[in-house]
PDB file of N, CA and C in Angstrom:
ATOM      1  N   MET A   1       3.500   9.488  18.511  1.00  0.00           N
ATOM      2  CA  MET A   1       3.563   9.650  17.078  1.00  0.00           C
ATOM      3  C   MET A   1       2.156   9.931  16.582  1.00  0.00           C
ATOM      4  N   ARG A   2       2.066  10.575  15.464  1.00  0.00           N
ATOM      5  CA  ARG A   2       0.769  10.902  14.882  1.00  0.00           C
ATOM      6  C   ARG A   2       0.253   9.719  14.069  1.00  0.00           C
ATOM      7  N   ILE A   3      -1.019   9.799  13.718  1.00  0.00           N
ATOM      8  CA  ILE A   3      -1.680   8.678  13.057  1.00  0.00           C
ATOM      9  C   ILE A   3      -1.032   8.327  11.710  1.00  0.00           C
ATOM     10  N   GLY A   4      -0.592   9.338  10.970  1.00  0.00           N
ATOM     11  CA  GLY A   4       0.051   9.073   9.682  1.00  0.00           C
ATOM     12  C   GLY A   4       1.341   8.296   9.837  1.00  0.00           C
ATOM     13  N   GLU A   5       2.116   8.618  10.864  1.00  0.00           N
ATOM     14  CA  GLU A   5       3.368   7.901  11.102  1.00  0.00           C
ATOM     15  C   GLU A   5       3.082   6.459  11.530  1.00  0.00           C
ATOM     16  N   LEU A   6       2.073   6.279  12.382  1.00  0.00           N
ATOM     17  CA  LEU A   6       1.714   4.921  12.793  1.00  0.00           C
ATOM     18  C   LEU A   6       1.267   4.113  11.586  1.00  0.00           C
ATOM     19  N   ALA A   7       0.491   4.725  10.723  1.00  0.00           N
ATOM     20  CA  ALA A   7       0.043   4.043   9.507  1.00  0.00           C
ATOM     21  C   ALA A   7       1.242   3.635   8.655  1.00  0.00           C
ATOM     22  N   GLU A   8       2.164   4.542   8.486  1.00  0.00           N
ATOM     23  CA  GLU A   8       3.349   4.262   7.668  1.00  0.00           C
ATOM     24  C   GLU A   8       4.205   3.158   8.285  1.00  0.00           C
ATOM     25  N   ARG A   9       4.396   3.202   9.583  1.00  0.00           N
ATOM     26  CA  ARG A   9       5.275   2.242  10.247  1.00  0.00           C
ATOM     27  C   ARG A   9       4.663   0.852  10.361  1.00  0.00           C
ATOM     28  N   THR A  10       3.347   0.760  10.274  1.00  0.00           N
ATOM     29  CA  THR A  10       2.694  -0.541  10.393  1.00  0.00           C
ATOM     30  C   THR A  10       2.153  -1.059   9.071  1.00  0.00           C
ATOM     31  N   GLY A  11       2.097  -0.205   8.063  1.00  0.00           N
ATOM     32  CA  GLY A  11       1.540  -0.613   6.785  1.00  0.00           C
ATOM     33  C   GLY A  11       0.028  -0.729   6.801  1.00  0.00           C
ATOM     34  N   VAL A  12      -0.599  -0.070   7.753  1.00  0.00           N
ATOM     35  CA  VAL A  12      -2.056  -0.101   7.910  1.00  0.00           C
ATOM     36  C   VAL A  12      -2.583   1.283   7.565  1.00  0.00           C
ATOM     37  N   SER A  13      -3.717   1.335   6.909  1.00  0.00           N
ATOM     38  CA  SER A  13      -4.256   2.632   6.502  1.00  0.00           C
ATOM     39  C   SER A  13      -4.715   3.457   7.702  1.00  0.00           C
ATOM     40  N   VAL A  14      -4.713   4.765   7.511  1.00  0.00           N
ATOM     41  CA  VAL A  14      -5.213   5.680   8.534  1.00  0.00           C
ATOM     42  C   VAL A  14      -6.665   5.337   8.857  1.00  0.00           C
ATOM     43  N   ARG A  15      -7.417   5.018   7.836  1.00  0.00           N
ATOM     44  CA  ARG A  15      -8.824   4.661   8.031  1.00  0.00           C
ATOM     45  C   ARG A  15      -8.961   3.448   8.948  1.00  0.00           C
ATOM     46  N   ALA A  16      -8.121   2.437   8.731  1.00  0.00           N
ATOM     47  CA  ALA A  16      -8.161   1.240   9.575  1.00  0.00           C
ATOM     48  C   ALA A  16      -7.798   1.585  11.016  1.00  0.00           C
ATOM     49  N   LEU A  17      -6.813   2.445  11.193  1.00  0.00           N
ATOM     50  CA  LEU A  17      -6.418   2.843  12.555  1.00  0.00           C
ATOM     51  C   LEU A  17      -7.559   3.556  13.265  1.00  0.00           C
ATOM     52  N   ARG A  18      -8.267   4.401  12.543  1.00  0.00           N
ATOM     53  CA  ARG A  18      -9.434   5.077  13.131  1.00  0.00           C
ATOM     54  C   ARG A  18     -10.501   4.059  13.517  1.00  0.00           C
ATOM     55  N   TYR A  19     -10.685   3.061  12.651  1.00  0.00           N
ATOM     56  CA  TYR A  19     -11.652   1.999  12.941  1.00  0.00           C
ATOM     57  C   TYR A  19     -11.237   1.251  14.209  1.00  0.00           C
ATOM     58  N   TYR A  20      -9.959   0.903  14.322  1.00  0.00           N
ATOM     59  CA  TYR A  20      -9.483   0.206  15.516  1.00  0.00           C
ATOM     60  C   TYR A  20      -9.786   1.025  16.768  1.00  0.00           C
ATOM     61  N   GLU A  21      -9.596   2.320  16.659  1.00  0.00           N
ATOM     62  CA  GLU A  21      -9.881   3.186  17.800  1.00  0.00           C
ATOM     63  C   GLU A  21     -11.380   3.193  18.108  1.00  0.00           C
ATOM     64  N   GLU A  22     -12.209   3.276  17.089  1.00  0.00           N
ATOM     65  CA  GLU A  22     -13.672   3.242  17.286  1.00  0.00           C
ATOM     66  C   GLU A  22     -14.104   1.947  17.960  1.00  0.00           C
ATOM     67  N   GLN A  23     -13.433   0.852  17.602  1.00  0.00           N
ATOM     68  CA  GLN A  23     -13.767  -0.460  18.159  1.00  0.00           C
ATOM     69  C   GLN A  23     -13.109  -0.700  19.521  1.00  0.00           C
ATOM     70  N   LYS A  24     -12.377   0.287  20.013  1.00  0.00           N
ATOM     71  CA  LYS A  24     -11.691   0.206  21.322  1.00  0.00           C
ATOM     72  C   LYS A  24     -10.524  -0.786  21.317  1.00  0.00           C
ATOM     73  N   LEU A  25     -10.002  -1.072  20.134  1.00  0.00           N
ATOM     74  CA  LEU A  25      -8.864  -1.973  20.018  1.00  0.00           C
ATOM     75  C   LEU A  25      -7.543  -1.235  20.176  1.00  0.00           C
ATOM     76  N   LEU A  26      -7.578   0.050  19.959  1.00  0.00           N
ATOM     77  CA  LEU A  26      -6.385   0.887  19.964  1.00  0.00           C
ATOM     78  C   LEU A  26      -6.728   2.191  20.661  1.00  0.00           C
ATOM     79  N   GLU A  27      -5.808   2.654  21.491  1.00  0.00           N
ATOM     80  CA  GLU A  27      -6.039   3.900  22.217  1.00  0.00           C
ATOM     81  C   GLU A  27      -5.066   4.973  21.751  1.00  0.00           C
ATOM     82  N   ALA A  28      -5.569   6.178  21.717  1.00  0.00           N
ATOM     83  CA  ALA A  28      -4.732   7.322  21.363  1.00  0.00           C
ATOM     84  C   ALA A  28      -5.037   8.441  22.345  1.00  0.00           C
ATOM     85  N   GLU A  29      -4.005   9.171  22.676  1.00  0.00           N
ATOM     86  CA  GLU A  29      -4.218  10.390  23.438  1.00  0.00           C
ATOM     87  C   GLU A  29      -4.501  11.488  22.427  1.00  0.00           C
ATOM     88  N   ARG A  30      -5.127  12.533  22.878  1.00  0.00           N
ATOM     89  CA  ARG A  30      -5.433  13.659  21.991  1.00  0.00           C
ATOM     90  C   ARG A  30      -4.641  14.879  22.427  1.00  0.00           C
ATOM     91  N   SER A  31      -4.088  15.573  21.446  1.00  0.00           N
ATOM     92  CA  SER A  31      -3.392  16.832  21.728  1.00  0.00           C
ATOM     93  C   SER A  31      -4.446  17.907  21.976  1.00  0.00           C
ATOM     94  N   GLU A  32      -4.015  19.079  22.385  1.00  0.00           N
ATOM     95  CA  GLU A  32      -4.947  20.175  22.628  1.00  0.00           C
ATOM     96  C   GLU A  32      -5.749  20.512  21.372  1.00  0.00           C
ATOM     97  N   SER A  33      -5.133  20.319  20.216  1.00  0.00           N
ATOM     98  CA  SER A  33      -5.822  20.600  18.958  1.00  0.00           C
ATOM     99  C   SER A  33      -6.663  19.414  18.470  1.00  0.00           C
ATOM    100  N   GLY A  34      -6.689  18.313  19.240  1.00  0.00           N
ATOM    101  CA  GLY A  34      -7.507  17.166  18.900  1.00  0.00           C
ATOM    102  C   GLY A  34      -6.823  16.105  18.065  1.00  0.00           C
ATOM    103  N   GLN A  35      -5.540  16.290  17.778  1.00  0.00           N
ATOM    104  CA  GLN A  35      -4.827  15.292  16.970  1.00  0.00           C
ATOM    105  C   GLN A  35      -4.512  14.056  17.809  1.00  0.00           C
ATOM    106  N   ARG A  36      -4.609  12.908  17.171  1.00  0.00           N
ATOM    107  CA  ARG A  36      -4.282  11.657  17.850  1.00  0.00           C
ATOM    108  C   ARG A  36      -2.773  11.564  18.042  1.00  0.00           C
ATOM    109  N   ARG A  37      -2.401  11.023  19.189  1.00  0.00           N
ATOM    110  CA  ARG A  37      -0.998  10.749  19.497  1.00  0.00           C
ATOM    111  C   ARG A  37      -0.898   9.336  20.041  1.00  0.00           C
ATOM    112  N   TYR A  38      -0.010   8.553  19.451  1.00  0.00           N
ATOM    113  CA  TYR A  38       0.157   7.160  19.842  1.00  0.00           C
ATOM    114  C   TYR A  38       1.543   6.950  20.440  1.00  0.00           C
ATOM    115  N   THR A  39       1.634   5.996  21.362  1.00  0.00           N
ATOM    116  CA  THR A  39       2.926   5.625  21.923  1.00  0.00           C
ATOM    117  C   THR A  39       3.594   4.612  21.000  1.00  0.00           C
ATOM    118  N   GLU A  40       4.839   4.312  21.251  1.00  0.00           N
ATOM    119  CA  GLU A  40       5.562   3.293  20.479  1.00  0.00           C
ATOM    120  C   GLU A  40       4.897   1.927  20.608  1.00  0.00           C
ATOM    121  N   ASN A  41       4.248   1.672  21.737  1.00  0.00           N
ATOM    122  CA  ASN A  41       3.565   0.390  21.950  1.00  0.00           C
ATOM    123  C   ASN A  41       2.436   0.162  20.948  1.00  0.00           C
ATOM    124  N   ALA A  42       1.935   1.233  20.361  1.00  0.00           N
ATOM    125  CA  ALA A  42       0.840   1.103  19.400  1.00  0.00           C
ATOM    126  C   ALA A  42       1.280   0.291  18.176  1.00  0.00           C
ATOM    127  N   ILE A  43       2.544   0.340  17.840  1.00  0.00           N
ATOM    128  CA  ILE A  43       3.043  -0.411  16.679  1.00  0.00           C
ATOM    129  C   ILE A  43       2.824  -1.904  16.884  1.00  0.00           C
ATOM    130  N   SER A  44       3.246  -2.427  18.025  1.00  0.00           N
ATOM    131  CA  SER A  44       3.062  -3.859  18.272  1.00  0.00           C
ATOM    132  C   SER A  44       1.581  -4.193  18.433  1.00  0.00           C
ATOM    133  N   ARG A  45       0.794  -3.292  19.002  1.00  0.00           N
ATOM    134  CA  ARG A  45      -0.648  -3.538  19.146  1.00  0.00           C
ATOM    135  C   ARG A  45      -1.305  -3.652  17.774  1.00  0.00           C
ATOM    136  N   VAL A  46      -0.967  -2.739  16.860  1.00  0.00           N
ATOM    137  CA  VAL A  46      -1.555  -2.777  15.520  1.00  0.00           C
ATOM    138  C   VAL A  46      -1.143  -4.060  14.801  1.00  0.00           C
ATOM    139  N   ARG A  47       0.101  -4.448  14.931  1.00  0.00           N
ATOM    140  CA  ARG A  47       0.554  -5.690  14.285  1.00  0.00           C
ATOM    141  C   ARG A  47      -0.185  -6.902  14.852  1.00  0.00           C
ATOM    142  N   LEU A  48      -0.412  -6.920  16.157  1.00  0.00           N
ATOM    143  CA  LEU A  48      -1.165  -7.999  16.771  1.00  0.00           C
ATOM    144  C   LEU A  48      -2.600  -8.016  16.256  1.00  0.00           C
ATOM    145  N   ILE A  49      -3.220  -6.859  16.199  1.00  0.00           N
ATOM    146  CA  ILE A  49      -4.586  -6.762  15.684  1.00  0.00           C
ATOM    147  C   ILE A  49      -4.642  -7.301  14.257  1.00  0.00           C
ATOM    148  N   GLN A  50      -3.688  -6.939  13.442  1.00  0.00           N
ATOM    149  CA  GLN A  50      -3.643  -7.413  12.055  1.00  0.00           C
ATOM    150  C   GLN A  50      -3.499  -8.931  11.999  1.00  0.00           C
ATOM    151  N   GLN A  51      -2.658  -9.484  12.846  1.00  0.00           N
ATOM    152  CA  GLN A  51      -2.476 -10.938  12.870  1.00  0.00           C
ATOM    153  C   GLN A  51      -3.770 -11.639  13.279  1.00  0.00           C
ATOM    154  N   LEU A  52      -4.449 -11.094  14.270  1.00  0.00           N
ATOM    155  CA  LEU A  52      -5.686 -11.703  14.742  1.00  0.00           C
ATOM    156  C   LEU A  52      -6.785 -11.594  13.690  1.00  0.00           C
ATOM    157  N   TYR A  53      -6.858 -10.443  13.019  1.00  0.00           N
ATOM    158  CA  TYR A  53      -7.816 -10.313  11.909  1.00  0.00           C
ATOM    159  C   TYR A  53      -7.497 -11.328  10.813  1.00  0.00           C
ATOM    160  N   ALA A  54      -6.227 -11.460  10.484  1.00  0.00           N
ATOM    161  CA  ALA A  54      -5.821 -12.399   9.431  1.00  0.00           C
ATOM    162  C   ALA A  54      -6.187 -13.836   9.805  1.00  0.00           C
ATOM    163  N   ALA A  55      -6.251 -14.107  11.099  1.00  0.00           N
ATOM    164  CA  ALA A  55      -6.624 -15.440  11.572  1.00  0.00           C
ATOM    165  C   ALA A  55      -8.135 -15.627  11.582  1.00  0.00           C
ATOM    166  N   GLY A  56      -8.869 -14.582  11.173  1.00  0.00           N
ATOM    167  CA  GLY A  56     -10.319 -14.694  11.081  1.00  0.00           C
ATOM    168  C   GLY A  56     -11.059 -14.327  12.355  1.00  0.00           C
ATOM    169  N   ILE A  57     -10.393 -13.658  13.258  1.00  0.00           N
ATOM    170  CA  ILE A  57     -11.016 -13.276  14.524  1.00  0.00           C
ATOM    171  C   ILE A  57     -11.656 -11.902  14.363  1.00  0.00           C
ATOM    172  N   SER A  58     -12.882 -11.772  14.810  1.00  0.00           N
ATOM    173  CA  SER A  58     -13.636 -10.521  14.666  1.00  0.00           C
ATOM    174  C   SER A  58     -13.112  -9.455  15.628  1.00  0.00           C
ATOM    175  N   SER A  59     -13.496  -8.207  15.379  1.00  0.00           N
ATOM    176  CA  SER A  59     -13.068  -7.117  16.249  1.00  0.00           C
ATOM    177  C   SER A  59     -13.590  -7.324  17.670  1.00  0.00           C
ATOM    178  N   SER A  60     -14.812  -7.845  17.811  1.00  0.00           N
ATOM    179  CA  SER A  60     -15.327  -8.084  19.165  1.00  0.00           C
ATOM    180  C   SER A  60     -14.541  -9.199  19.851  1.00  0.00           C
ATOM    181  N   GLY A  61     -14.139 -10.205  19.103  1.00  0.00           N
ATOM    182  CA  GLY A  61     -13.304 -11.274  19.662  1.00  0.00           C
ATOM    183  C   GLY A  61     -11.940 -10.757  20.073  1.00  0.00           C
ATOM    184  N   ILE A  62     -11.377  -9.905  19.235  1.00  0.00           N
ATOM    185  CA  ILE A  62     -10.075  -9.314  19.549  1.00  0.00           C
ATOM    186  C   ILE A  62     -10.185  -8.456  20.802  1.00  0.00           C
ATOM    187  N   LEU A  63     -11.232  -7.651  20.868  1.00  0.00           N
ATOM    188  CA  LEU A  63     -11.436  -6.776  22.027  1.00  0.00           C
ATOM    189  C   LEU A  63     -11.508  -7.594  23.309  1.00  0.00           C
ATOM    190  N   GLU A  64     -12.154  -8.731  23.229  1.00  0.00           N
ATOM    191  CA  GLU A  64     -12.303  -9.578  24.404  1.00  0.00           C
ATOM    192  C   GLU A  64     -10.980 -10.197  24.841  1.00  0.00           C
ATOM    193  N   MET A  65     -10.116 -10.518  23.872  1.00  0.00           N
ATOM    194  CA  MET A  65      -8.882 -11.202  24.236  1.00  0.00           C
ATOM    195  C   MET A  65      -7.698 -10.282  24.506  1.00  0.00           C
ATOM    196  N   LEU A  66      -7.743  -9.027  24.062  1.00  0.00           N
ATOM    197  CA  LEU A  66      -6.598  -8.136  24.256  1.00  0.00           C
ATOM    198  C   LEU A  66      -6.168  -7.995  25.713  1.00  0.00           C
ATOM    199  N   PRO A  67      -7.097  -7.813  26.650  1.00  0.00           N
ATOM    200  CA  PRO A  67      -6.645  -7.718  28.047  1.00  0.00           C
ATOM    201  C   PRO A  67      -5.940  -8.995  28.515  1.00  0.00           C
ATOM    202  N   CYS A  68      -6.416 -10.139  28.053  1.00  0.00           N
ATOM    203  CA  CYS A  68      -5.798 -11.414  28.428  1.00  0.00           C
ATOM    204  C   CYS A  68      -4.382 -11.509  27.885  1.00  0.00           C
ATOM    205  N   MET A  69      -4.189 -10.988  26.690  1.00  0.00           N
ATOM    206  CA  MET A  69      -2.862 -11.046  26.076  1.00  0.00           C
ATOM    207  C   MET A  69      -1.884 -10.137  26.823  1.00  0.00           C
ATOM    208  N   ALA A  70      -2.400  -9.076  27.402  1.00  0.00           N
ATOM    209  CA  ALA A  70      -1.537  -8.161  28.157  1.00  0.00           C
ATOM    210  C   ALA A  70      -1.205  -8.711  29.542  1.00  0.00           C
ATOM    211  N   THR A  71      -2.189  -9.370  30.174  1.00  0.00           N
ATOM    212  CA  THR A  71      -1.999  -9.828  31.554  1.00  0.00           C
ATOM    213  C   THR A  71      -1.663 -11.302  31.667  1.00  0.00           C
ATOM    214  N   GLY A  72      -2.035 -12.084  30.652  1.00  0.00           N
ATOM    215  CA  GLY A  72      -1.849 -13.526  30.738  1.00  0.00           C
ATOM    216  C   GLY A  72      -2.921 -14.217  31.561  1.00  0.00           C
ATOM    217  N   ILE A  73      -3.962 -13.474  31.917  1.00  0.00           N
ATOM    218  CA  ILE A  73      -5.050 -14.014  32.731  1.00  0.00           C
ATOM    219  C   ILE A  73      -6.335 -13.979  31.911  1.00  0.00           C
ATOM    220  N   ALA A  74      -7.069 -15.100  31.931  1.00  0.00           N
ATOM    221  CA  ALA A  74      -8.322 -15.172  31.170  1.00  0.00           C
ATOM    222  C   ALA A  74      -9.385 -15.878  31.995  1.00  0.00           C
ATOM    223  N   SER A  75     -10.597 -15.410  31.867  1.00  0.00           N
ATOM    224  CA  SER A  75     -11.725 -16.083  32.519  1.00  0.00           C
ATOM    225  C   SER A  75     -11.952 -17.419  31.815  1.00  0.00           C
ATOM    226  N   PRO A  76     -12.658 -18.338  32.462  1.00  0.00           N
ATOM    227  CA  PRO A  76     -12.936 -19.623  31.798  1.00  0.00           C
ATOM    228  C   PRO A  76     -13.654 -19.457  30.454  1.00  0.00           C
ATOM    229  N   GLN A  77     -14.577 -18.493  30.361  1.00  0.00           N
ATOM    230  CA  GLN A  77     -15.299 -18.279  29.109  1.00  0.00           C
ATOM    231  C   GLN A  77     -14.366 -17.800  28.008  1.00  0.00           C
ATOM    232  N   VAL A  78     -13.503 -16.850  28.335  1.00  0.00           N
ATOM    233  CA  VAL A  78     -12.553 -16.328  27.344  1.00  0.00           C
ATOM    234  C   VAL A  78     -11.540 -17.403  26.977  1.00  0.00           C
ATOM    235  N   LEU A  79     -11.123 -18.179  27.963  1.00  0.00           N
ATOM    236  CA  LEU A  79     -10.173 -19.253  27.699  1.00  0.00           C
ATOM    237  C   LEU A  79     -10.757 -20.265  26.714  1.00  0.00           C
ATOM    238  N   THR A  80     -12.027 -20.582  26.847  1.00  0.00           N
ATOM    239  CA  THR A  80     -12.702 -21.477  25.905  1.00  0.00           C
ATOM    240  C   THR A  80     -12.674 -20.886  24.503  1.00  0.00           C
ATOM    241  N   LYS A  81     -12.957 -19.588  24.399  1.00  0.00           N
ATOM    242  CA  LYS A  81     -12.921 -18.924  23.087  1.00  0.00           C
ATOM    243  C   LYS A  81     -11.509 -18.913  22.516  1.00  0.00           C
ATOM    244  N   LEU A  82     -10.523 -18.679  23.365  1.00  0.00           N
ATOM    245  CA  LEU A  82      -9.133 -18.680  22.907  1.00  0.00           C
ATOM    246  C   LEU A  82      -8.758 -20.051  22.341  1.00  0.00           C
ATOM    247  N   HIS A  83      -9.191 -21.120  23.009  1.00  0.00           N
ATOM    248  CA  HIS A  83      -8.926 -22.472  22.498  1.00  0.00           C
ATOM    249  C   HIS A  83      -9.595 -22.666  21.134  1.00  0.00           C
ATOM    250  N   GLY A  84     -10.804 -22.133  20.985  1.00  0.00           N
ATOM    251  CA  GLY A  84     -11.486 -22.227  19.697  1.00  0.00           C
ATOM    252  C   GLY A  84     -10.733 -21.496  18.601  1.00  0.00           C
ATOM    253  N   HIS A  85     -10.242 -20.291  18.911  1.00  0.00           N
ATOM    254  CA  HIS A  85      -9.463 -19.526  17.929  1.00  0.00           C
ATOM    255  C   HIS A  85      -8.172 -20.267  17.594  1.00  0.00           C
ATOM    256  N   ARG A  86      -7.558 -20.867  18.609  1.00  0.00           N
ATOM    257  CA  ARG A  86      -6.323 -21.608  18.386  1.00  0.00           C
ATOM    258  C   ARG A  86      -6.574 -22.778  17.433  1.00  0.00           C
ATOM    259  N   SER A  87      -7.664 -23.505  17.647  1.00  0.00           N
ATOM    260  CA  SER A  87      -8.009 -24.628  16.767  1.00  0.00           C
ATOM    261  C   SER A  87      -8.222 -24.146  15.336  1.00  0.00           C
ATOM    262  N   SER A  88      -8.879 -23.014  15.189  1.00  0.00           N
ATOM    263  CA  SER A  88      -9.111 -22.450  13.866  1.00  0.00           C
ATOM    264  C   SER A  88      -7.796 -22.084  13.186  1.00  0.00           C
ATOM    265  N   VAL A  89      -6.881 -21.485  13.933  1.00  0.00           N
ATOM    266  CA  VAL A  89      -5.571 -21.116  13.372  1.00  0.00           C
ATOM    267  C   VAL A  89      -4.812 -22.375  12.957  1.00  0.00           C
ATOM    268  N   LEU A  90      -4.875 -23.420  13.764  1.00  0.00           N
ATOM    269  CA  LEU A  90      -4.205 -24.675  13.400  1.00  0.00           C
ATOM    270  C   LEU A  90      -4.768 -25.253  12.105  1.00  0.00           C
ATOM    271  N   ARG A  91      -6.094 -25.200  11.939  1.00  0.00           N
ATOM    272  CA  ARG A  91      -6.704 -25.676  10.687  1.00  0.00           C
ATOM    273  C   ARG A  91      -6.193 -24.852   9.506  1.00  0.00           C
ATOM    274  N   GLN A  92      -6.101 -23.532   9.697  1.00  0.00           N
ATOM    275  CA  GLN A  92      -5.603 -22.668   8.622  1.00  0.00           C
ATOM    276  C   GLN A  92      -4.158 -23.016   8.277  1.00  0.00           C
ATOM    277  N   ILE A  93      -3.363 -23.277   9.288  1.00  0.00           N
ATOM    278  CA  ILE A  93      -1.958 -23.650   9.056  1.00  0.00           C
ATOM    279  C   ILE A  93      -1.883 -24.944   8.262  1.00  0.00           C
ATOM    280  N   GLU A  94      -2.708 -25.930   8.632  1.00  0.00           N
ATOM    281  CA  GLU A  94      -2.725 -27.204   7.905  1.00  0.00           C
ATOM    282  C   GLU A  94      -3.124 -27.000   6.447  1.00  0.00           C
ATOM    283  N   GLU A  95      -4.124 -26.167   6.209  1.00  0.00           N
ATOM    284  CA  GLU A  95      -4.555 -25.886   4.841  1.00  0.00           C
ATOM    285  C   GLU A  95      -3.455 -25.174   4.063  1.00  0.00           C
ATOM    286  N   LEU A  96      -2.770 -24.243   4.700  1.00  0.00           N
ATOM    287  CA  LEU A  96      -1.669 -23.544   4.038  1.00  0.00           C
ATOM    288  C   LEU A  96      -0.513 -24.489   3.742  1.00  0.00           C
ATOM    289  N   GLN A  97      -0.268 -25.430   4.642  1.00  0.00           N
ATOM    290  CA  GLN A  97       0.787 -26.412   4.383  1.00  0.00           C
ATOM    291  C   GLN A  97       0.432 -27.286   3.183  1.00  0.00           C
ATOM    292  N   GLU A  98      -0.832 -27.655   3.044  1.00  0.00           N
ATOM    293  CA  GLU A  98      -1.273 -28.413   1.876  1.00  0.00           C
ATOM    294  C   GLU A  98      -1.080 -27.591   0.602  1.00  0.00           C
ATOM    295  N   THR A  99      -1.410 -26.315   0.680  1.00  0.00           N
ATOM    296  CA  THR A  99      -1.229 -25.420  -0.465  1.00  0.00           C
ATOM    297  C   THR A  99       0.245 -25.318  -0.825  1.00  0.00           C
ATOM    298  N   LEU A 100       1.095 -25.248   0.187  1.00  0.00           N
ATOM    299  CA  LEU A 100       2.532 -25.172  -0.041  1.00  0.00           C
ATOM    300  C   LEU A 100       3.036 -26.419  -0.753  1.00  0.00           C
ATOM    301  N   VAL A 101       2.553 -27.577  -0.346  1.00  0.00           N
ATOM    302  CA  VAL A 101       2.948 -28.830  -1.007  1.00  0.00           C
ATOM    303  C   VAL A 101       2.525 -28.802  -2.473  1.00  0.00           C
ATOM    304  N   GLN A 102       1.311 -28.338  -2.743  1.00  0.00           N
ATOM    305  CA  GLN A 102       0.839 -28.258  -4.125  1.00  0.00           C
ATOM    306  C   GLN A 102       1.700 -27.297  -4.943  1.00  0.00           C
ATOM    307  N   LEU A 103       2.022 -26.146  -4.375  1.00  0.00           N
ATOM    308  CA  LEU A 103       2.872 -25.181  -5.079  1.00  0.00           C
ATOM    309  C   LEU A 103       4.253 -25.770  -5.343  1.00  0.00           C
ATOM    310  N   ASP A 104       4.820 -26.442  -4.339  1.00  0.00           N
ATOM    311  CA  ASP A 104       6.134 -27.061  -4.520  1.00  0.00           C
ATOM    312  C   ASP A 104       6.102 -28.103  -5.631  1.00  0.00           C
ATOM    313  N   THR A 105       5.000 -28.852  -5.725  1.00  0.00           N
ATOM    314  CA  THR A 105       4.860 -29.858  -6.779  1.00  0.00           C
ATOM    315  C   THR A 105       4.841 -29.199  -8.150  1.00  0.00           C
ATOM    316  N   VAL A 106       4.083 -28.129  -8.279  1.00  0.00           N
ATOM    317  CA  VAL A 106       4.010 -27.412  -9.560  1.00  0.00           C
ATOM    318  C   VAL A 106       5.364 -26.808  -9.902  1.00  0.00           C
ATOM    319  N   ILE A 107       6.008 -26.202  -8.916  1.00  0.00           N
ATOM    320  CA  ILE A 107       7.322 -25.574  -9.155  1.00  0.00           C
ATOM    321  C   ILE A 107       8.329 -26.632  -9.585  1.00  0.00           C
ATOM    322  N   ALA A 108       8.351 -27.763  -8.886  1.00  0.00           N
ATOM    323  CA  ALA A 108       9.297 -28.832  -9.241  1.00  0.00           C
ATOM    324  C   ALA A 108       9.046 -29.324 -10.657  1.00  0.00           C
ATOM    325  N   GLY A 109       7.777 -29.474 -11.032  1.00  0.00           N
ATOM    326  CA  GLY A 109       7.454 -29.897 -12.394  1.00  0.00           C
ATOM    327  C   GLY A 109       7.877 -28.866 -13.413  1.00  0.00           C
ATOM    328  N   ALA A 110       7.679 -27.597 -13.105  1.00  0.00           N
ATOM    329  CA  ALA A 110       8.066 -26.531 -14.030  1.00  0.00           C
ATOM    330  C   ALA A 110       9.580 -26.483 -14.192  1.00  0.00           C
ATOM    331  N   VAL A 111      10.303 -26.688 -13.107  1.00  0.00           N
ATOM    332  CA  VAL A 111      11.769 -26.685 -13.179  1.00  0.00           C
ATOM    333  C   VAL A 111      12.254 -27.862 -14.025  1.00  0.00           C
ATOM    334  N   ARG A 112      11.646 -29.032 -13.811  1.00  0.00           N
ATOM    335  CA  ARG A 112      12.038 -30.195 -14.623  1.00  0.00           C
ATOM    336  C   ARG A 112      11.753 -29.936 -16.103  1.00  0.00           C
ATOM    337  N   SER A 113      10.592 -29.347 -16.402  1.00  0.00           N
ATOM    338  CA  SER A 113      10.252 -29.031 -17.790  1.00  0.00           C
ATOM    339  C   SER A 113      11.254 -28.056 -18.370  1.00  0.00           C
ATOM    340  N   HIS A 114      11.605 -27.053 -17.589  1.00  0.00           N
ATOM    341  CA  HIS A 114      12.563 -26.037 -18.052  1.00  0.00           C
ATOM    342  C   HIS A 114      13.927 -26.672 -18.296  1.00  0.00           C
ATOM    343  N   ASP A 115      14.342 -27.568 -17.410  1.00  0.00           N
ATOM    344  CA  ASP A 115      15.644 -28.227 -17.555  1.00  0.00           C
ATOM    345  C   ASP A 115      15.696 -29.097 -18.803  1.00  0.00           C
ATOM    346  N   HIS A 116      14.552 -29.582 -19.251  1.00  0.00           N
ATOM    347  CA  HIS A 116      14.497 -30.418 -20.451  1.00  0.00           C
ATOM    348  C   HIS A 116      14.093 -29.635 -21.680  1.00  0.00           C
ATOM    349  N   GLY A 117      14.053 -28.305 -21.550  1.00  0.00           N
ATOM    350  CA  GLY A 117      13.717 -27.463 -22.699  1.00  0.00           C
ATOM    351  C   GLY A 117      12.260 -27.452 -23.068  1.00  0.00           C
ATOM    352  N   LEU A 118      11.399 -27.921 -22.171  1.00  0.00           N
ATOM    353  CA  LEU A 118       9.964 -27.945 -22.465  1.00  0.00           C
ATOM    354  C   LEU A 118       9.316 -26.684 -21.893  1.00  0.00           C
ATOM    355  N   PRO A 119       8.386 -26.114 -22.630  1.00  0.00           N
ATOM    356  CA  PRO A 119       7.709 -24.930 -22.076  1.00  0.00           C
ATOM    357  C   PRO A 119       6.736 -25.343 -20.982  1.00  0.00           C
ATOM    358  N   CYS A 120       6.505 -24.423 -20.065  1.00  0.00           N
ATOM    359  CA  CYS A 120       5.477 -24.649 -19.054  1.00  0.00           C
ATOM    360  C   CYS A 120       4.131 -24.620 -19.739  1.00  0.00           C
ATOM    361  N   PRO A 121       3.208 -25.448 -19.273  1.00  0.00           N
ATOM    362  CA  PRO A 121       1.873 -25.427 -19.875  1.00  0.00           C
ATOM    363  C   PRO A 121       1.226 -24.061 -19.692  1.00  0.00           C
ATOM    364  N   PRO A 122       0.398 -23.635 -20.667  1.00  0.00           N
ATOM    365  CA  PRO A 122      -0.265 -22.326 -20.514  1.00  0.00           C
ATOM    366  C   PRO A 122      -1.257 -22.379 -19.368  1.00  0.00           C
ATOM    367  N   ARG A 123      -1.545 -21.192 -18.827  1.00  0.00           N
ATOM    368  CA  ARG A 123      -2.506 -21.103 -17.722  1.00  0.00           C
ATOM    369  C   ARG A 123      -3.906 -21.131 -18.226  1.00  0.00           C
TER     370      ARG A 123
END
């Protein structure tokens, strides 16, 4: 598939896809005219890259771990880094769960106010 189709199917900009390729995170074959061509596997790769970026992992960190994710084999140094990233993701999950509790509290209060005919407080 061409770069525009990959962008559309993944919700990632063409510019970001080019960046991923520059960073060696994503590979494309080139047609005779120089156009990028991606396999169907590129969709899952781009989604994985997006998830890892969202978790706060840098492009160099992602580059280091991608082979491990494909093979399931990691050197002791990479394994240590993977554990560090995992700990960071767990902290983010805990923080998001706290945020969810706060949102649920506000929503429950707003629903109770609405049920009693009271307006929600202004923002």
